[in-house]
Amino acid sequence: MRLILFGSPGVGKGTQAKILSDKLGIPHISTGDILRQSVKDKTEIGLKAKIIMDSGELVPDDIMIVIIKDFLLKPELAKGFILDGFPRTLHQAESLERLFCELNIKDVILIYIYAPDEEIIKRLTTRRACKRCHTIFTLTEIEGLTECPKCNSENSFYQRNDDTIEVIKNRLQIFQETTYPIIDFYSGRRETLMIDGLSSVEEVNNKIMGSLKAVKN
């Protein structure tokens, strides 16, 4: 099974990707992670990406596509994958579609998780991260705690700069303008599942699993 997880910032894509990876037994591909891995492995394309990243620029789409292609060719992805974090623009979606055609990958399912902007803002503004281990928690999870449950560091919780209201609203606007059109692009090309992300993590996952089962049947 080959899945693309899609949705606005803070809708829960990363959380669902990890759960789905465990349940379906297929790797979760975070484009941020594989980019960093390519740099760490000092591959030819990874070294090119590092030069660009060190200069403070975004890695171009053509380089990201090569990195994704190299990863998709790995033997452990033969039975499927969960792609998270790409595509983010219509141009990326078109490039990824060409790559799928080149690799003869046909059974791709797009999972679009959605939630109202007010809920997204609420979720992201009530997140806190640990300065030491970088784990993200909700305020409810760490209520009354001064020690990180993950690494036991003391007084390490902080609010990330990208979790402020102003930044979140800007990210949501960018999503609507540049990323949401991908839904229309995939309509008629790939199976697309629309999942309401307003429920609990478990309920959202149940909806996804039920929709995937219906598609396969």
C-alpha atoms as a PDB file:
ATOM      1  CA  MET A   1       0.000   0.000   0.000  1.00  0.00           C
ATOM      2  CA  ARG A   2       1.372   3.395  -1.028  1.00  0.00           C
ATOM      3  CA  LEU A   3      -0.019   6.446   0.725  1.00  0.00           C
ATOM      4  CA  ILE A   4       0.464  10.217   0.569  1.00  0.00           C
ATOM      5  CA  LEU A   5      -0.611  12.049   3.738  1.00  0.00           C
ATOM      6  CA  PHE A   6      -1.869  15.536   3.058  1.00  0.00           C
ATOM      7  CA  GLY A   7      -3.282  18.314   5.226  1.00  0.00           C
ATOM      8  CA  SER A   8      -2.678  21.717   6.766  1.00  0.00           C
ATOM      9  CA  PRO A   9      -0.032  22.340   9.466  1.00  0.00           C
ATOM     10  CA  GLY A  10      -1.057  20.911  12.827  1.00  0.00           C
ATOM     11  CA  VAL A  11      -3.788  18.625  11.511  1.00  0.00           C
ATOM     12  CA  GLY A  12      -2.005  15.517  12.806  1.00  0.00           C
ATOM     13  CA  LYS A  13      -0.314  14.063   9.706  1.00  0.00           C
ATOM     14  CA  GLY A  14       2.864  13.061  11.515  1.00  0.00           C
ATOM     15  CA  THR A  15       0.984  11.350  14.335  1.00  0.00           C
ATOM     16  CA  GLN A  16      -1.226   9.402  11.951  1.00  0.00           C
ATOM     17  CA  ALA A  17       1.751   8.481   9.769  1.00  0.00           C
ATOM     18  CA  LYS A  18       3.479   6.782  12.697  1.00  0.00           C
ATOM     19  CA  ILE A  19       0.335   4.872  13.692  1.00  0.00           C
ATOM     20  CA  LEU A  20      -0.380   3.790  10.110  1.00  0.00           C
ATOM     21  CA  SER A  21       3.234   2.705   9.659  1.00  0.00           C
ATOM     22  CA  ASP A  22       2.932   0.382  12.661  1.00  0.00           C
ATOM     23  CA  LYS A  23      -0.475  -0.986  11.702  1.00  0.00           C
ATOM     24  CA  LEU A  24       0.223  -1.496   7.996  1.00  0.00           C
ATOM     25  CA  GLY A  25       3.852  -2.527   8.347  1.00  0.00           C
ATOM     26  CA  ILE A  26       5.138  -0.015   5.785  1.00  0.00           C
ATOM     27  CA  PRO A  27       7.783   2.704   6.256  1.00  0.00           C
ATOM     28  CA  HIS A  28       6.901   6.314   7.027  1.00  0.00           C
ATOM     29  CA  ILE A  29       8.844   8.645   4.733  1.00  0.00           C
ATOM     30  CA  SER A  30       9.176  12.164   6.090  1.00  0.00           C
ATOM     31  CA  THR A  31      10.794  14.250   3.368  1.00  0.00           C
ATOM     32  CA  GLY A  32      12.572  16.276   6.029  1.00  0.00           C
ATOM     33  CA  ASP A  33      14.058  13.092   7.501  1.00  0.00           C
ATOM     34  CA  ILE A  34      15.223  11.635   4.178  1.00  0.00           C
ATOM     35  CA  LEU A  35      16.740  14.977   3.199  1.00  0.00           C
ATOM     36  CA  ARG A  36      18.741  15.030   6.421  1.00  0.00           C
ATOM     37  CA  GLN A  37      19.680  11.368   5.915  1.00  0.00           C
ATOM     38  CA  SER A  38      20.976  12.084   2.403  1.00  0.00           C
ATOM     39  CA  VAL A  39      23.121  14.876   3.805  1.00  0.00           C
ATOM     40  CA  LYS A  40      24.346  12.621   6.636  1.00  0.00           C
ATOM     41  CA  ASP A  41      25.190   9.797   4.199  1.00  0.00           C
ATOM     42  CA  LYS A  42      27.113  12.293   2.043  1.00  0.00           C
ATOM     43  CA  THR A  43      25.483  11.096  -1.150  1.00  0.00           C
ATOM     44  CA  GLU A  44      26.197  13.147  -4.264  1.00  0.00           C
ATOM     45  CA  ILE A  45      22.745  14.699  -4.242  1.00  0.00           C
ATOM     46  CA  GLY A  46      22.869  15.053  -0.441  1.00  0.00           C
ATOM     47  CA  LEU A  47      26.068  17.093  -0.653  1.00  0.00           C
ATOM     48  CA  LYS A  48      24.422  19.386  -3.212  1.00  0.00           C
ATOM     49  CA  ALA A  49      21.468  19.812  -0.892  1.00  0.00           C
ATOM     50  CA  LYS A  50      23.772  20.590   2.047  1.00  0.00           C
ATOM     51  CA  ILE A  51      25.446  23.453   0.203  1.00  0.00           C
ATOM     52  CA  ILE A  52      22.029  24.961  -0.528  1.00  0.00           C
ATOM     53  CA  MET A  53      20.767  24.427   3.029  1.00  0.00           C
ATOM     54  CA  ASP A  54      23.934  25.930   4.531  1.00  0.00           C
ATOM     55  CA  SER A  55      23.325  29.068   2.491  1.00  0.00           C
ATOM     56  CA  GLY A  56      19.868  29.387   4.047  1.00  0.00           C
ATOM     57  CA  GLU A  57      17.979  28.602   0.839  1.00  0.00           C
ATOM     58  CA  LEU A  58      15.240  26.024   0.277  1.00  0.00           C
ATOM     59  CA  VAL A  59      16.245  22.833  -1.513  1.00  0.00           C
ATOM     60  CA  PRO A  60      14.901  23.032  -5.110  1.00  0.00           C
ATOM     61  CA  ASP A  61      12.185  20.644  -6.259  1.00  0.00           C
ATOM     62  CA  ASP A  62      14.427  18.894  -8.794  1.00  0.00           C
ATOM     63  CA  ILE A  63      16.880  17.904  -6.059  1.00  0.00           C
ATOM     64  CA  MET A  64      14.090  16.788  -3.699  1.00  0.00           C
ATOM     65  CA  ILE A  65      12.611  14.591  -6.436  1.00  0.00           C
ATOM     66  CA  VAL A  66      15.972  12.849  -6.956  1.00  0.00           C
ATOM     67  CA  ILE A  67      16.301  12.279  -3.202  1.00  0.00           C
ATOM     68  CA  ILE A  68      12.760  10.874  -3.042  1.00  0.00           C
ATOM     69  CA  LYS A  69      13.444   8.671  -6.090  1.00  0.00           C
ATOM     70  CA  ASP A  70      16.588   7.229  -4.487  1.00  0.00           C
ATOM     71  CA  PHE A  71      14.585   6.449  -1.364  1.00  0.00           C
ATOM     72  CA  LEU A  72      11.647   4.876  -3.225  1.00  0.00           C
ATOM     73  CA  LEU A  73      14.067   2.469  -4.911  1.00  0.00           C
ATOM     74  CA  LYS A  74      15.171   1.022  -1.566  1.00  0.00           C
ATOM     75  CA  PRO A  75      14.164  -2.672  -1.127  1.00  0.00           C
ATOM     76  CA  GLU A  76      12.351  -2.005   2.159  1.00  0.00           C
ATOM     77  CA  LEU A  77       9.837   0.183   0.312  1.00  0.00           C
ATOM     78  CA  ALA A  78       8.877  -2.515  -2.207  1.00  0.00           C
ATOM     79  CA  LYS A  79       5.663  -3.356  -0.321  1.00  0.00           C
ATOM     80  CA  GLY A  80       4.614   0.228   0.201  1.00  0.00           C
ATOM     81  CA  PHE A  81       5.250   3.518   1.965  1.00  0.00           C
ATOM     82  CA  ILE A  82       3.651   6.520   3.652  1.00  0.00           C
ATOM     83  CA  LEU A  83       4.881   9.810   2.175  1.00  0.00           C
ATOM     84  CA  ASP A  84       4.538  12.804   4.495  1.00  0.00           C
ATOM     85  CA  GLY A  85       5.622  16.390   3.742  1.00  0.00           C
ATOM     86  CA  PHE A  86       5.643  16.209  -0.058  1.00  0.00           C
ATOM     87  CA  PRO A  87       4.161  17.469  -2.316  1.00  0.00           C
ATOM     88  CA  ARG A  88       3.504  20.969  -0.962  1.00  0.00           C
ATOM     89  CA  THR A  89       2.916  22.755  -4.276  1.00  0.00           C
ATOM     90  CA  LEU A  90       1.214  21.973  -7.571  1.00  0.00           C
ATOM     91  CA  HIS A  91       4.584  21.888  -9.322  1.00  0.00           C
ATOM     92  CA  GLN A  92       5.852  19.317  -6.800  1.00  0.00           C
ATOM     93  CA  ALA A  93       2.718  17.223  -7.304  1.00  0.00           C
ATOM     94  CA  GLU A  94       3.264  17.219 -11.077  1.00  0.00           C
ATOM     95  CA  SER A  95       6.931  16.244 -10.625  1.00  0.00           C
ATOM     96  CA  LEU A  96       6.013  13.476  -8.182  1.00  0.00           C
ATOM     97  CA  GLU A  97       3.377  12.146 -10.563  1.00  0.00           C
ATOM     98  CA  ARG A  98       5.963  11.937 -13.342  1.00  0.00           C
ATOM     99  CA  LEU A  99       8.265  10.060 -10.958  1.00  0.00           C
ATOM    100  CA  PHE A 100       5.505   7.590 -10.091  1.00  0.00           C
ATOM    101  CA  CYS A 101       4.923   6.979 -13.806  1.00  0.00           C
ATOM    102  CA  GLU A 102       8.663   6.493 -14.368  1.00  0.00           C
ATOM    103  CA  LEU A 103       8.839   3.943 -11.549  1.00  0.00           C
ATOM    104  CA  ASN A 104       5.521   2.331 -12.589  1.00  0.00           C
ATOM    105  CA  ILE A 105       3.958   3.093  -9.196  1.00  0.00           C
ATOM    106  CA  LYS A 106       0.204   2.960  -9.744  1.00  0.00           C
ATOM    107  CA  ASP A 107      -1.620   2.160  -6.504  1.00  0.00           C
ATOM    108  CA  VAL A 108      -1.093   5.478  -4.701  1.00  0.00           C
ATOM    109  CA  ILE A 109      -3.816   6.687  -2.339  1.00  0.00           C
ATOM    110  CA  LEU A 110      -4.004  10.319  -1.195  1.00  0.00           C
ATOM    111  CA  ILE A 111      -5.281  10.805   2.365  1.00  0.00           C
ATOM    112  CA  TYR A 112      -6.419  14.369   3.026  1.00  0.00           C
ATOM    113  CA  ILE A 113      -6.933  15.112   6.728  1.00  0.00           C
ATOM    114  CA  TYR A 114      -8.795  18.364   7.326  1.00  0.00           C
ATOM    115  CA  ALA A 115      -9.911  20.460  10.293  1.00  0.00           C
ATOM    116  CA  PRO A 116     -11.207  24.039  10.796  1.00  0.00           C
ATOM    117  CA  ASP A 117      -8.561  26.757  11.066  1.00  0.00           C
ATOM    118  CA  GLU A 118      -9.765  27.616  14.587  1.00  0.00           C
ATOM    119  CA  GLU A 119      -9.008  24.070  15.734  1.00  0.00           C
ATOM    120  CA  ILE A 120      -5.579  24.117  14.078  1.00  0.00           C
ATOM    121  CA  ILE A 121      -4.710  27.403  15.793  1.00  0.00           C
ATOM    122  CA  LYS A 122      -5.887  26.018  19.132  1.00  0.00           C
ATOM    123  CA  ARG A 123      -3.816  22.849  18.750  1.00  0.00           C
ATOM    124  CA  LEU A 124      -0.609  24.559  17.681  1.00  0.00           C
ATOM    125  CA  THR A 125      -0.706  27.400  20.204  1.00  0.00           C
ATOM    126  CA  THR A 126      -1.081  24.876  23.037  1.00  0.00           C
ATOM    127  CA  ARG A 127       1.981  22.872  22.016  1.00  0.00           C
ATOM    128  CA  ARG A 128       5.253  22.964  23.868  1.00  0.00           C
ATOM    129  CA  ALA A 129       8.611  21.449  22.902  1.00  0.00           C
ATOM    130  CA  CYS A 130      11.517  20.189  24.984  1.00  0.00           C
ATOM    131  CA  LYS A 131      14.750  22.127  24.406  1.00  0.00           C
ATOM    132  CA  ARG A 132      16.830  19.001  24.950  1.00  0.00           C
ATOM    133  CA  CYS A 133      15.077  16.119  23.149  1.00  0.00           C
ATOM    134  CA  HIS A 134      12.785  18.275  20.926  1.00  0.00           C
ATOM    135  CA  THR A 135       9.727  16.128  21.738  1.00  0.00           C
ATOM    136  CA  ILE A 136       6.459  18.032  21.326  1.00  0.00           C
ATOM    137  CA  PHE A 137       3.739  17.893  23.984  1.00  0.00           C
ATOM    138  CA  THR A 138       0.329  19.436  24.501  1.00  0.00           C
ATOM    139  CA  LEU A 139      -0.164  21.587  27.582  1.00  0.00           C
ATOM    140  CA  THR A 140      -2.525  18.912  28.924  1.00  0.00           C
ATOM    141  CA  GLU A 141       0.200  16.250  28.675  1.00  0.00           C
ATOM    142  CA  ILE A 142       2.686  18.269  30.730  1.00  0.00           C
ATOM    143  CA  GLU A 143       0.292  20.033  33.082  1.00  0.00           C
ATOM    144  CA  GLY A 144       1.971  20.413  36.479  1.00  0.00           C
ATOM    145  CA  LEU A 145       5.285  18.991  35.231  1.00  0.00           C
ATOM    146  CA  THR A 146       8.657  20.710  35.330  1.00  0.00           C
ATOM    147  CA  GLU A 147      10.579  17.670  34.077  1.00  0.00           C
ATOM    148  CA  CYS A 148      10.362  16.353  30.502  1.00  0.00           C
ATOM    149  CA  PRO A 149       8.661  12.894  30.466  1.00  0.00           C
ATOM    150  CA  LYS A 150      10.886  11.847  27.565  1.00  0.00           C
ATOM    151  CA  CYS A 151      14.421  12.871  28.598  1.00  0.00           C
ATOM    152  CA  ASN A 152      13.894  13.977  32.221  1.00  0.00           C
ATOM    153  CA  SER A 153      15.474  17.386  31.636  1.00  0.00           C
ATOM    154  CA  GLU A 154      14.331  20.062  34.072  1.00  0.00           C
ATOM    155  CA  ASN A 155      12.493  23.265  33.059  1.00  0.00           C
ATOM    156  CA  SER A 156      13.045  22.618  29.340  1.00  0.00           C
ATOM    157  CA  PHE A 157       9.568  23.330  27.925  1.00  0.00           C
ATOM    158  CA  TYR A 158       9.173  26.223  25.520  1.00  0.00           C
ATOM    159  CA  GLN A 159       6.866  27.453  22.751  1.00  0.00           C
ATOM    160  CA  ARG A 160       8.416  27.237  19.290  1.00  0.00           C
ATOM    161  CA  ASN A 161       8.475  30.394  17.171  1.00  0.00           C
ATOM    162  CA  ASP A 162       6.334  28.728  14.502  1.00  0.00           C
ATOM    163  CA  ASP A 163       3.602  27.934  17.054  1.00  0.00           C
ATOM    164  CA  THR A 164       2.562  31.550  17.639  1.00  0.00           C
ATOM    165  CA  ILE A 165      -0.806  32.778  16.340  1.00  0.00           C
ATOM    166  CA  GLU A 166       0.676  35.157  13.756  1.00  0.00           C
ATOM    167  CA  VAL A 167       2.949  32.523  12.239  1.00  0.00           C
ATOM    168  CA  ILE A 168       0.215  29.863  12.243  1.00  0.00           C
ATOM    169  CA  LYS A 169      -2.254  32.128  10.435  1.00  0.00           C
ATOM    170  CA  ASN A 170       0.375  32.875   7.805  1.00  0.00           C
ATOM    171  CA  ARG A 171       1.150  29.151   7.354  1.00  0.00           C
ATOM    172  CA  LEU A 172      -2.553  28.382   6.958  1.00  0.00           C
ATOM    173  CA  GLN A 173      -2.914  31.108   4.341  1.00  0.00           C
ATOM    174  CA  ILE A 174       0.069  29.736   2.414  1.00  0.00           C
ATOM    175  CA  PHE A 175      -1.479  26.256   2.616  1.00  0.00           C
ATOM    176  CA  GLN A 176      -4.745  27.481   1.135  1.00  0.00           C
ATOM    177  CA  GLU A 177      -3.025  29.391  -1.665  1.00  0.00           C
ATOM    178  CA  THR A 178      -0.228  27.022  -2.698  1.00  0.00           C
ATOM    179  CA  THR A 179      -0.918  23.568  -1.270  1.00  0.00           C
ATOM    180  CA  TYR A 180      -4.688  23.018  -1.307  1.00  0.00           C
ATOM    181  CA  PRO A 181      -4.871  23.087  -5.167  1.00  0.00           C
ATOM    182  CA  ILE A 182      -3.100  19.701  -5.074  1.00  0.00           C
ATOM    183  CA  ILE A 183      -6.461  18.145  -4.124  1.00  0.00           C
ATOM    184  CA  ASP A 184      -7.934  19.228  -7.460  1.00  0.00           C
ATOM    185  CA  PHE A 185      -4.830  17.977  -9.281  1.00  0.00           C
ATOM    186  CA  TYR A 186      -5.175  14.466  -7.835  1.00  0.00           C
ATOM    187  CA  SER A 187      -8.934  14.322  -8.377  1.00  0.00           C
ATOM    188  CA  GLY A 188      -9.508  11.714 -11.072  1.00  0.00           C
ATOM    189  CA  ARG A 189      -5.831  10.700 -11.063  1.00  0.00           C
ATOM    190  CA  ARG A 190      -5.498   8.945  -7.729  1.00  0.00           C
ATOM    191  CA  GLU A 191      -7.865   7.563  -5.121  1.00  0.00           C
ATOM    192  CA  THR A 192      -8.450  10.385  -2.625  1.00  0.00           C
ATOM    193  CA  LEU A 193      -9.792   9.868   0.888  1.00  0.00           C
ATOM    194  CA  MET A 194     -11.239  12.879   2.739  1.00  0.00           C
ATOM    195  CA  ILE A 195     -10.808  12.407   6.503  1.00  0.00           C
ATOM    196  CA  ASP A 196     -12.297  14.696   9.163  1.00  0.00           C
ATOM    197  CA  GLY A 197      -9.452  15.373  11.602  1.00  0.00           C
ATOM    198  CA  LEU A 198     -11.556  17.089  14.254  1.00  0.00           C
ATOM    199  CA  SER A 199     -11.874  13.937  16.385  1.00  0.00           C
ATOM    200  CA  SER A 200      -9.382  12.268  18.728  1.00  0.00           C
ATOM    201  CA  VAL A 201      -6.221  10.641  17.353  1.00  0.00           C
ATOM    202  CA  GLU A 202      -7.756   7.174  17.771  1.00  0.00           C
ATOM    203  CA  GLU A 203     -11.035   8.155  16.090  1.00  0.00           C
ATOM    204  CA  VAL A 204      -9.259   9.776  13.152  1.00  0.00           C
ATOM    205  CA  ASN A 205      -7.124   6.670  12.715  1.00  0.00           C
ATOM    206  CA  ASN A 206     -10.219   4.461  12.779  1.00  0.00           C
ATOM    207  CA  LYS A 207     -11.718   6.588   9.995  1.00  0.00           C
ATOM    208  CA  ILE A 208      -8.557   6.248   7.915  1.00  0.00           C
ATOM    209  CA  MET A 209      -8.319   2.483   8.409  1.00  0.00           C
ATOM    210  CA  GLY A 210     -12.012   2.057   7.593  1.00  0.00           C
ATOM    211  CA  SER A 211     -11.677   4.134   4.413  1.00  0.00           C
ATOM    212  CA  LEU A 212      -8.590   2.203   3.311  1.00  0.00           C
ATOM    213  CA  LYS A 213     -10.387  -1.101   3.907  1.00  0.00           C
ATOM    214  CA  ALA A 214     -13.336   0.095   1.812  1.00  0.00           C
ATOM    215  CA  VAL A 215     -11.026   1.093  -1.042  1.00  0.00           C
ATOM    216  CA  LYS A 216      -9.198  -2.244  -1.009  1.00  0.00           C
ATOM    217  CA  ASN A 217     -12.464  -4.157  -0.989  1.00  0.00           C
END
